């Protein structure tokens, strides 16, 4: 099973990630509730995910999505 990531504000599809990378994302990011399906991703969070062993493709996907901004809200769904 893969997970599709989308930018919350624009609906832009960012790409899909593996279940392993998804588990890193869920384990590292703060959830506001048990049904939360979005995360605020910024540069220090990406660095932390990379240090935790996120795949190079996942790190690149996030870095490209955030770009020069301070961060973005990312929504996930099963692909």
PDB file of N, CA and C in Angstrom:
ATOM      1  N   UNK A   1       0.851  -1.187   0.000  1.00  0.00           N
ATOM      2  CA  UNK A   1       0.000   0.000   0.000  1.00  0.00           C
ATOM      3  C   UNK A   1       0.886   1.235   0.000  1.00  0.00           C
ATOM      4  N   UNK A   2       0.561   2.183  -0.845  1.00  0.00           N
ATOM      5  CA  UNK A   2       1.285   3.444  -0.846  1.00  0.00           C
ATOM      6  C   UNK A   2       0.360   4.547  -0.334  1.00  0.00           C
ATOM      7  N   UNK A   3       0.981   5.649   0.025  1.00  0.00           N
ATOM      8  CA  UNK A   3       0.263   6.782   0.595  1.00  0.00           C
ATOM      9  C   UNK A   3       0.455   7.986  -0.324  1.00  0.00           C
ATOM     10  N   UNK A   4      -0.646   8.635  -0.674  1.00  0.00           N
ATOM     11  CA  UNK A   4      -0.589   9.835  -1.510  1.00  0.00           C
ATOM     12  C   UNK A   4      -0.541  11.072  -0.607  1.00  0.00           C
ATOM     13  N   UNK A   5       0.398  11.970  -0.895  1.00  0.00           N
ATOM     14  CA  UNK A   5       0.504  13.226  -0.171  1.00  0.00           C
ATOM     15  C   UNK A   5       0.031  14.365  -1.064  1.00  0.00           C
ATOM     16  N   UNK A   6      -0.745  15.265  -0.459  1.00  0.00           N
ATOM     17  CA  UNK A   6      -1.315  16.407  -1.167  1.00  0.00           C
ATOM     18  C   UNK A   6      -1.092  17.653  -0.327  1.00  0.00           C
ATOM     19  N   UNK A   7      -0.857  18.779  -0.979  1.00  0.00           N
ATOM     20  CA  UNK A   7      -0.771  20.043  -0.251  1.00  0.00           C
ATOM     21  C   UNK A   7      -2.182  20.468   0.125  1.00  0.00           C
ATOM     22  N   UNK A   8      -2.408  20.690   1.399  1.00  0.00           N
ATOM     23  CA  UNK A   8      -3.757  20.959   1.911  1.00  0.00           C
ATOM     24  C   UNK A   8      -4.377  22.216   1.299  1.00  0.00           C
ATOM     25  N   UNK A   9      -3.633  23.300   1.235  1.00  0.00           N
ATOM     26  CA  UNK A   9      -4.200  24.572   0.790  1.00  0.00           C
ATOM     27  C   UNK A   9      -4.538  24.604  -0.695  1.00  0.00           C
ATOM     28  N   UNK A  10      -3.746  23.924  -1.518  1.00  0.00           N
ATOM     29  CA  UNK A  10      -3.932  24.019  -2.965  1.00  0.00           C
ATOM     30  C   UNK A  10      -4.533  22.768  -3.596  1.00  0.00           C
ATOM     31  N   UNK A  11      -4.471  21.632  -2.886  1.00  0.00           N
ATOM     32  CA  UNK A  11      -4.923  20.377  -3.453  1.00  0.00           C
ATOM     33  C   UNK A  11      -3.908  19.754  -4.396  1.00  0.00           C
ATOM     34  N   UNK A  12      -2.740  20.382  -4.525  1.00  0.00           N
ATOM     35  CA  UNK A  12      -1.687  19.881  -5.418  1.00  0.00           C
ATOM     36  C   UNK A  12      -1.166  18.545  -4.915  1.00  0.00           C
ATOM     37  N   UNK A  13      -1.167  17.541  -5.795  1.00  0.00           N
ATOM     38  CA  UNK A  13      -0.613  16.240  -5.440  1.00  0.00           C
ATOM     39  C   UNK A  13       0.899  16.352  -5.415  1.00  0.00           C
ATOM     40  N   UNK A  14       1.490  15.911  -4.295  1.00  0.00           N
ATOM     41  CA  UNK A  14       2.939  15.977  -4.144  1.00  0.00           C
ATOM     42  C   UNK A  14       3.608  14.698  -4.610  1.00  0.00           C
ATOM     43  N   UNK A  15       2.929  13.569  -4.424  1.00  0.00           N
ATOM     44  CA  UNK A  15       3.467  12.281  -4.831  1.00  0.00           C
ATOM     45  C   UNK A  15       3.014  11.202  -3.880  1.00  0.00           C
ATOM     46  N   UNK A  16       3.562  10.010  -4.078  1.00  0.00           N
ATOM     47  CA  UNK A  16       3.238   8.896  -3.197  1.00  0.00           C
ATOM     48  C   UNK A  16       4.493   8.452  -2.462  1.00  0.00           C
ATOM     49  N   UNK A  17       4.264   7.896  -1.274  1.00  0.00           N
ATOM     50  CA  UNK A  17       5.366   7.415  -0.450  1.00  0.00           C
ATOM     51  C   UNK A  17       5.075   5.992   0.012  1.00  0.00           C
ATOM     52  N   UNK A  18       6.112   5.324   0.449  1.00  0.00           N
ATOM     53  CA  UNK A  18       5.973   3.949   0.931  1.00  0.00           C
ATOM     54  C   UNK A  18       5.346   3.923   2.319  1.00  0.00           C
ATOM     55  N   UNK A  19       4.900   2.753   2.699  1.00  0.00           N
ATOM     56  CA  UNK A  19       4.353   2.552   4.043  1.00  0.00           C
ATOM     57  C   UNK A  19       5.416   2.841   5.103  1.00  0.00           C
ATOM     58  N   UNK A  20       6.665   2.481   4.824  1.00  0.00           N
ATOM     59  CA  UNK A  20       7.764   2.712   5.773  1.00  0.00           C
ATOM     60  C   UNK A  20       7.980   4.208   6.006  1.00  0.00           C
ATOM     61  N   UNK A  21       8.001   4.986   4.902  1.00  0.00           N
ATOM     62  CA  UNK A  21       8.162   6.429   5.046  1.00  0.00           C
ATOM     63  C   UNK A  21       6.948   7.038   5.741  1.00  0.00           C
ATOM     64  N   UNK A  22       5.769   6.515   5.452  1.00  0.00           N
ATOM     65  CA  UNK A  22       4.562   7.003   6.110  1.00  0.00           C
ATOM     66  C   UNK A  22       4.637   6.784   7.618  1.00  0.00           C
ATOM     67  N   UNK A  23       5.118   5.628   8.034  1.00  0.00           N
ATOM     68  CA  UNK A  23       5.245   5.342   9.465  1.00  0.00           C
ATOM     69  C   UNK A  23       6.220   6.319  10.139  1.00  0.00           C
ATOM     70  N   UNK A  24       7.295   6.681   9.446  1.00  0.00           N
ATOM     71  CA  UNK A  24       8.205   7.690   9.987  1.00  0.00           C
ATOM     72  C   UNK A  24       7.494   9.026  10.139  1.00  0.00           C
ATOM     73  N   UNK A  25       6.720   9.401   9.129  1.00  0.00           N
ATOM     74  CA  UNK A  25       5.985  10.664   9.172  1.00  0.00           C
ATOM     75  C   UNK A  25       5.019  10.694  10.342  1.00  0.00           C
ATOM     76  N   UNK A  26       4.213   9.657  10.472  1.00  0.00           N
ATOM     77  CA  UNK A  26       3.219   9.579  11.540  1.00  0.00           C
ATOM     78  C   UNK A  26       3.894   9.534  12.914  1.00  0.00           C
ATOM     79  N   UNK A  27       4.987   8.793  13.003  1.00  0.00           N
ATOM     80  CA  UNK A  27       5.682   8.662  14.279  1.00  0.00           C
ATOM     81  C   UNK A  27       6.381   9.921  14.734  1.00  0.00           C
ATOM     82  N   UNK A  28       6.784  10.751  13.769  1.00  0.00           N
ATOM     83  CA  UNK A  28       7.552  11.946  14.112  1.00  0.00           C
ATOM     84  C   UNK A  28       6.698  13.207  14.259  1.00  0.00           C
ATOM     85  N   UNK A  29       5.642  13.302  13.471  1.00  0.00           N
ATOM     86  CA  UNK A  29       4.866  14.540  13.441  1.00  0.00           C
ATOM     87  C   UNK A  29       3.765  14.522  14.505  1.00  0.00           C
ATOM     88  N   UNK A  30       3.388  15.713  14.932  1.00  0.00           N
ATOM     89  CA  UNK A  30       2.357  15.859  15.958  1.00  0.00           C
ATOM     90  C   UNK A  30       0.969  15.797  15.343  1.00  0.00           C
ATOM     91  N   UNK A  31       0.104  14.989  15.933  1.00  0.00           N
ATOM     92  CA  UNK A  31      -1.289  14.894  15.493  1.00  0.00           C
ATOM     93  C   UNK A  31      -2.171  15.643  16.478  1.00  0.00           C
ATOM     94  N   UNK A  32      -3.123  16.376  15.947  1.00  0.00           N
ATOM     95  CA  UNK A  32      -4.035  17.133  16.800  1.00  0.00           C
ATOM     96  C   UNK A  32      -5.155  16.254  17.349  1.00  0.00           C
ATOM     97  N   UNK A  33      -5.466  15.148  16.637  1.00  0.00           N
ATOM     98  CA  UNK A  33      -6.486  14.210  17.104  1.00  0.00           C
ATOM     99  C   UNK A  33      -6.211  12.849  16.483  1.00  0.00           C
ATOM    100  N   UNK A  34      -6.938  11.842  16.922  1.00  0.00           N
ATOM    101  CA  UNK A  34      -6.728  10.491  16.409  1.00  0.00           C
ATOM    102  C   UNK A  34      -7.181  10.345  14.961  1.00  0.00           C
ATOM    103  N   UNK A  35      -7.967  11.296  14.462  1.00  0.00           N
ATOM    104  CA  UNK A  35      -8.426  11.241  13.073  1.00  0.00           C
ATOM    105  C   UNK A  35      -7.678  12.236  12.177  1.00  0.00           C
ATOM    106  N   UNK A  36      -6.655  12.855  12.717  1.00  0.00           N
ATOM    107  CA  UNK A  36      -5.886  13.849  11.982  1.00  0.00           C
ATOM    108  C   UNK A  36      -5.201  13.213  10.779  1.00  0.00           C
ATOM    109  N   UNK A  37      -5.343  13.831   9.613  1.00  0.00           N
ATOM    110  CA  UNK A  37      -4.703  13.324   8.410  1.00  0.00           C
ATOM    111  C   UNK A  37      -3.872  14.403   7.729  1.00  0.00           C
ATOM    112  N   UNK A  38      -3.474  15.419   8.491  1.00  0.00           N
ATOM    113  CA  UNK A  38      -2.611  16.433   7.916  1.00  0.00           C
ATOM    114  C   UNK A  38      -1.523  16.825   8.905  1.00  0.00           C
ATOM    115  N   UNK A  39      -0.414  17.259   8.341  1.00  0.00           N
ATOM    116  CA  UNK A  39       0.759  17.636   9.134  1.00  0.00           C
ATOM    117  C   UNK A  39       1.364  18.896   8.550  1.00  0.00           C
ATOM    118  N   UNK A  40       1.893  19.751   9.424  1.00  0.00           N
ATOM    119  CA  UNK A  40       2.641  20.922   8.979  1.00  0.00           C
ATOM    120  C   UNK A  40       4.088  20.482   8.818  1.00  0.00           C
ATOM    121  N   UNK A  41       4.600  20.575   7.612  1.00  0.00           N
ATOM    122  CA  UNK A  41       5.953  20.130   7.302  1.00  0.00           C
ATOM    123  C   UNK A  41       6.809  21.342   6.989  1.00  0.00           C
ATOM    124  N   UNK A  42       7.902  21.469   7.709  1.00  0.00           N
ATOM    125  CA  UNK A  42       8.857  22.543   7.469  1.00  0.00           C
ATOM    126  C   UNK A  42      10.267  21.950   7.445  1.00  0.00           C
ATOM    127  N   UNK A  43      11.248  22.794   7.156  1.00  0.00           N
ATOM    128  CA  UNK A  43      12.609  22.320   6.888  1.00  0.00           C
ATOM    129  C   UNK A  43      13.224  21.504   8.031  1.00  0.00           C
ATOM    130  N   UNK A  44      13.036  21.917   9.266  1.00  0.00           N
ATOM    131  CA  UNK A  44      13.640  21.154  10.368  1.00  0.00           C
ATOM    132  C   UNK A  44      12.976  19.787  10.527  1.00  0.00           C
ATOM    133  N   UNK A  45      11.681  19.699  10.227  1.00  0.00           N
ATOM    134  CA  UNK A  45      11.000  18.398  10.277  1.00  0.00           C
ATOM    135  C   UNK A  45      11.541  17.473   9.189  1.00  0.00           C
ATOM    136  N   UNK A  46      11.800  18.017   8.012  1.00  0.00           N
ATOM    137  CA  UNK A  46      12.365  17.210   6.927  1.00  0.00           C
ATOM    138  C   UNK A  46      13.744  16.707   7.315  1.00  0.00           C
ATOM    139  N   UNK A  47      14.568  17.578   7.902  1.00  0.00           N
ATOM    140  CA  UNK A  47      15.902  17.176   8.360  1.00  0.00           C
ATOM    141  C   UNK A  47      15.807  16.045   9.385  1.00  0.00           C
ATOM    142  N   UNK A  48      14.839  16.153  10.293  1.00  0.00           N
ATOM    143  CA  UNK A  48      14.660  15.124  11.320  1.00  0.00           C
ATOM    144  C   UNK A  48      14.229  13.800  10.691  1.00  0.00           C
ATOM    145  N   UNK A  49      13.298  13.849   9.741  1.00  0.00           N
ATOM    146  CA  UNK A  49      12.860  12.627   9.063  1.00  0.00           C
ATOM    147  C   UNK A  49      14.025  11.975   8.318  1.00  0.00           C
ATOM    148  N   UNK A  50      14.858  12.791   7.694  1.00  0.00           N
ATOM    149  CA  UNK A  50      16.033  12.264   6.993  1.00  0.00           C
ATOM    150  C   UNK A  50      16.975  11.572   7.974  1.00  0.00           C
ATOM    151  N   UNK A  51      17.204  12.192   9.126  1.00  0.00           N
ATOM    152  CA  UNK A  51      18.078  11.604  10.149  1.00  0.00           C
ATOM    153  C   UNK A  51      17.498  10.305  10.707  1.00  0.00           C
ATOM    154  N   UNK A  52      16.177  10.183  10.694  1.00  0.00           N
ATOM    155  CA  UNK A  52      15.512   8.973  11.187  1.00  0.00           C
ATOM    156  C   UNK A  52      15.522   7.841  10.164  1.00  0.00           C
ATOM    157  N   UNK A  53      15.985   8.130   8.945  1.00  0.00           N
ATOM    158  CA  UNK A  53      16.101   7.082   7.937  1.00  0.00           C
ATOM    159  C   UNK A  53      15.086   7.136   6.819  1.00  0.00           C
ATOM    160  N   UNK A  54      14.407   8.271   6.654  1.00  0.00           N
ATOM    161  CA  UNK A  54      13.466   8.399   5.539  1.00  0.00           C
ATOM    162  C   UNK A  54      14.203   8.196   4.222  1.00  0.00           C
ATOM    163  N   UNK A  55      13.519   7.628   3.251  1.00  0.00           N
ATOM    164  CA  UNK A  55      14.155   7.367   1.957  1.00  0.00           C
ATOM    165  C   UNK A  55      14.525   8.683   1.274  1.00  0.00           C
ATOM    166  N   UNK A  56      15.507   8.595   0.393  1.00  0.00           N
ATOM    167  CA  UNK A  56      15.958   9.780  -0.347  1.00  0.00           C
ATOM    168  C   UNK A  56      14.813  10.358  -1.181  1.00  0.00           C
ATOM    169  N   UNK A  57      13.991   9.494  -1.767  1.00  0.00           N
ATOM    170  CA  UNK A  57      12.865   9.963  -2.568  1.00  0.00           C
ATOM    171  C   UNK A  57      11.848  10.743  -1.749  1.00  0.00           C
ATOM    172  N   UNK A  58      11.575  10.278  -0.539  1.00  0.00           N
ATOM    173  CA  UNK A  58      10.629  10.952   0.348  1.00  0.00           C
ATOM    174  C   UNK A  58      11.173  12.315   0.767  1.00  0.00           C
ATOM    175  N   UNK A  59      12.438  12.354   1.132  1.00  0.00           N
ATOM    176  CA  UNK A  59      13.077  13.613   1.543  1.00  0.00           C
ATOM    177  C   UNK A  59      13.038  14.613   0.385  1.00  0.00           C
ATOM    178  N   UNK A  60      13.371  14.155  -0.812  1.00  0.00           N
ATOM    179  CA  UNK A  60      13.351  15.032  -1.983  1.00  0.00           C
ATOM    180  C   UNK A  60      11.943  15.532  -2.260  1.00  0.00           C
ATOM    181  N   UNK A  61      10.950  14.655  -2.178  1.00  0.00           N
ATOM    182  CA  UNK A  61       9.556  15.037  -2.385  1.00  0.00           C
ATOM    183  C   UNK A  61       9.169  16.169  -1.430  1.00  0.00           C
ATOM    184  N   UNK A  62       9.506  16.012  -0.145  1.00  0.00           N
ATOM    185  CA  UNK A  62       9.158  17.033   0.847  1.00  0.00           C
ATOM    186  C   UNK A  62       9.916  18.332   0.620  1.00  0.00           C
ATOM    187  N   UNK A  63      11.216  18.234   0.335  1.00  0.00           N
ATOM    188  CA  UNK A  63      12.014  19.449   0.095  1.00  0.00           C
ATOM    189  C   UNK A  63      11.475  20.218  -1.117  1.00  0.00           C
ATOM    190  N   UNK A  64      11.126  19.508  -2.186  1.00  0.00           N
ATOM    191  CA  UNK A  64      10.571  20.170  -3.365  1.00  0.00           C
ATOM    192  C   UNK A  64       9.217  20.794  -3.053  1.00  0.00           C
ATOM    193  N   UNK A  65       8.409  20.122  -2.252  1.00  0.00           N
ATOM    194  CA  UNK A  65       7.079  20.634  -1.910  1.00  0.00           C
ATOM    195  C   UNK A  65       7.168  21.903  -1.065  1.00  0.00           C
ATOM    196  N   UNK A  66       8.061  21.912  -0.095  1.00  0.00           N
ATOM    197  CA  UNK A  66       8.192  23.071   0.790  1.00  0.00           C
ATOM    198  C   UNK A  66       8.915  24.210   0.074  1.00  0.00           C
ATOM    199  N   UNK A  67       9.916  23.870  -0.730  1.00  0.00           N
ATOM    200  CA  UNK A  67      10.644  24.887  -1.487  1.00  0.00           C
ATOM    201  C   UNK A  67      11.231  25.958  -0.586  1.00  0.00           C
ATOM    202  N   UNK A  68      11.016  27.204  -0.954  1.00  0.00           N
ATOM    203  CA  UNK A  68      11.554  28.344  -0.198  1.00  0.00           C
ATOM    204  C   UNK A  68      10.603  28.830   0.892  1.00  0.00           C
ATOM    205  N   UNK A  69       9.421  28.228   0.982  1.00  0.00           N
ATOM    206  CA  UNK A  69       8.454  28.662   2.000  1.00  0.00           C
ATOM    207  C   UNK A  69       8.903  28.208   3.392  1.00  0.00           C
ATOM    208  N   UNK A  70       8.235  28.715   4.394  1.00  0.00           N
ATOM    209  CA  UNK A  70       8.529  28.304   5.764  1.00  0.00           C
ATOM    210  C   UNK A  70       8.029  26.893   6.027  1.00  0.00           C
ATOM    211  N   UNK A  71       6.969  26.493   5.353  1.00  0.00           N
ATOM    212  CA  UNK A  71       6.406  25.168   5.523  1.00  0.00           C
ATOM    213  C   UNK A  71       5.036  25.087   4.881  1.00  0.00           C
ATOM    214  N   UNK A  72       4.526  23.860   4.769  1.00  0.00           N
ATOM    215  CA  UNK A  72       3.208  23.645   4.174  1.00  0.00           C
ATOM    216  C   UNK A  72       2.448  22.594   4.972  1.00  0.00           C
ATOM    217  N   UNK A  73       1.126  22.628   4.854  1.00  0.00           N
ATOM    218  CA  UNK A  73       0.288  21.584   5.423  1.00  0.00           C
ATOM    219  C   UNK A  73       0.157  20.473   4.385  1.00  0.00           C
ATOM    220  N   UNK A  74       0.469  19.253   4.795  1.00  0.00           N
ATOM    221  CA  UNK A  74       0.417  18.093   3.916  1.00  0.00           C
ATOM    222  C   UNK A  74      -0.683  17.167   4.413  1.00  0.00           C
ATOM    223  N   UNK A  75      -1.529  16.720   3.493  1.00  0.00           N
ATOM    224  CA  UNK A  75      -2.613  15.798   3.792  1.00  0.00           C
ATOM    225  C   UNK A  75      -2.254  14.447   3.177  1.00  0.00           C
ATOM    226  N   UNK A  76      -2.562  13.361   3.899  1.00  0.00           N
ATOM    227  CA  UNK A  76      -2.273  12.022   3.371  1.00  0.00           C
ATOM    228  C   UNK A  76      -3.562  11.241   3.179  1.00  0.00           C
ATOM    229  N   UNK A  77      -3.499  10.298   2.237  1.00  0.00           N
ATOM    230  CA  UNK A  77      -4.604   9.387   1.999  1.00  0.00           C
ATOM    231  C   UNK A  77      -4.030   8.127   1.378  1.00  0.00           C
ATOM    232  N   UNK A  78      -4.694   7.007   1.609  1.00  0.00           N
ATOM    233  CA  UNK A  78      -4.256   5.767   0.975  1.00  0.00           C
ATOM    234  C   UNK A  78      -4.429   5.893  -0.524  1.00  0.00           C
ATOM    235  N   UNK A  79      -3.390   5.486  -1.251  1.00  0.00           N
ATOM    236  CA  UNK A  79      -3.437   5.602  -2.723  1.00  0.00           C
ATOM    237  C   UNK A  79      -3.990   4.337  -3.335  1.00  0.00           C
TER     238      UNK A  79
END
